[in-house]
Protein backbone atom coordinates (compact mmCIF):
# COMPACT_ATOMS: atom_id res chain seq x y z
CA MET A 1 93.13 105.31 124.02
CA HIS A 2 96.50 106.54 122.88
CA SER A 3 98.00 105.40 126.16
CA VAL A 4 96.39 101.94 125.73
CA VAL A 5 97.83 101.48 122.04
CA ARG A 6 101.20 102.84 123.27
CA LEU A 7 101.51 100.33 126.07
CA LYS A 8 100.22 97.31 123.92
CA CYS A 9 102.83 98.42 121.27
CA MET A 10 105.69 98.24 123.74
CA ASP A 11 104.46 94.94 125.23
CA TYR A 12 104.33 93.62 121.66
CA MET A 13 107.95 94.79 121.04
CA VAL A 14 109.09 93.09 124.34
CA LYS A 15 107.41 89.90 123.33
CA ASN A 16 109.25 90.07 119.82
CA ARG A 17 112.46 91.40 121.31
CA ASP A 18 114.67 89.16 119.14
CA TYR A 19 113.43 91.11 116.03
CA PHE A 20 113.03 94.56 117.17
CA SER A 21 116.11 94.73 119.35
CA GLN A 22 118.48 94.59 116.41
CA PHE A 23 117.24 97.98 115.25
CA VAL A 24 117.86 99.70 118.62
CA THR A 25 121.28 101.07 119.38
CA GLU A 26 120.68 101.67 123.08
CA ASP A 27 119.89 99.17 125.79
CA TYR A 28 116.62 97.57 124.69
CA MET A 29 114.66 97.79 127.93
CA SER A 30 115.78 101.25 128.52
CA TYR A 31 114.51 102.06 125.14
CA ILE A 32 111.10 100.25 125.68
CA ASN A 33 110.71 102.09 129.08
CA ARG A 34 111.42 105.42 127.65
CA LYS A 35 108.84 104.72 124.79
CA ARG A 36 106.15 103.84 127.19
CA GLN A 37 106.08 107.43 128.41
CA ASP A 38 103.45 109.74 126.73
CA SER A 39 106.11 112.46 126.45
CA CYS A 40 108.29 110.46 123.97
CA TYR A 41 107.60 110.22 120.35
CA GLY A 42 107.31 106.94 118.48
CA ASN A 43 109.18 106.19 115.28
CA GLN A 44 109.16 103.82 112.42
CA LEU A 45 110.05 101.02 114.63
CA GLU A 46 106.88 101.59 116.68
CA MET A 47 104.80 101.95 113.55
CA GLN A 48 106.15 98.64 112.23
CA ALA A 49 105.06 96.95 115.46
CA MET A 50 101.46 98.55 115.30
CA SER A 51 101.30 97.49 111.63
CA GLU A 52 102.05 93.84 112.69
CA MET A 53 99.76 94.02 115.80
CA TYR A 54 96.67 95.30 113.90
CA ASN A 55 97.45 94.02 110.43
CA ARG A 56 97.25 97.31 108.78
CA ALA A 57 99.53 99.24 106.42
CA ILE A 58 100.68 102.56 107.66
CA GLU A 59 100.93 105.73 105.55
CA VAL A 60 102.12 109.06 106.70
CA TYR A 61 100.92 112.28 104.99
CA ILE A 62 103.44 114.97 105.06
CA TYR A 63 101.91 118.46 104.57
CA SER A 64 105.18 120.17 103.62
CA ILE A 65 105.54 117.87 100.43
CA GLY A 66 101.82 117.25 100.03
CA GLN A 67 101.96 113.43 99.72
CA PHE A 68 101.75 110.29 101.47
CA ILE A 69 104.72 108.23 102.31
CA ILE A 70 104.10 104.38 102.68
CA LEU A 71 105.97 103.19 105.81
CA VAL A 72 104.90 99.70 106.48
CA HIS A 73 103.34 96.71 104.81
CA ARG A 74 101.63 97.66 101.58
CA LYS A 75 100.34 94.10 101.42
CA PHE A 76 97.34 94.85 103.90
CA SER A 77 94.00 96.13 102.50
CA SER A 78 93.35 98.36 105.51
CA ILE A 79 95.37 101.39 106.18
CA PHE A 80 96.24 103.47 109.13
CA ARG A 81 97.01 107.11 107.95
CA TYR A 82 98.86 109.66 110.09
CA GLN A 83 99.36 113.36 109.39
CA ILE A 84 102.75 115.09 110.00
CA ARG A 85 102.82 118.86 109.67
CA GLN A 86 106.54 119.38 110.01
CA LEU A 87 109.08 117.27 108.03
CA ASN A 88 111.59 117.61 110.86
CA THR A 89 109.57 115.17 112.93
CA LEU A 90 110.50 112.39 110.39
CA LYS A 91 114.19 113.36 109.99
CA SER A 92 115.32 110.19 111.91
CA ARG A 93 113.17 107.92 109.90
CA PHE A 94 113.64 109.16 106.39
CA ASP A 95 116.42 110.01 103.99
CA LYS A 96 115.03 113.36 102.57
CA SER A 97 116.53 112.50 99.15
CA ARG A 98 114.03 109.67 98.83
CA LEU A 99 111.04 112.11 99.56
């Protein structure tokens, strides 16, 4: 199921290239092709896309600080929650001073 969601997410980002490409600093299709691989981690951009695709807010629970960080769309009543055991997996997505 993970692979299916990943591919649908990347397809969604291709369909909405005008919006998502402005947040990618490398060639957009190279980025998309890399993110289609199971060995590549997603980041906040992919979470944004999944939030839009499934009309769900996204929260991430970070064990090292013991709290949820709201990532995307608090307006939705349904929530996807993720768990992160190591803060360094979010380094590229968060300014630690905001945590």
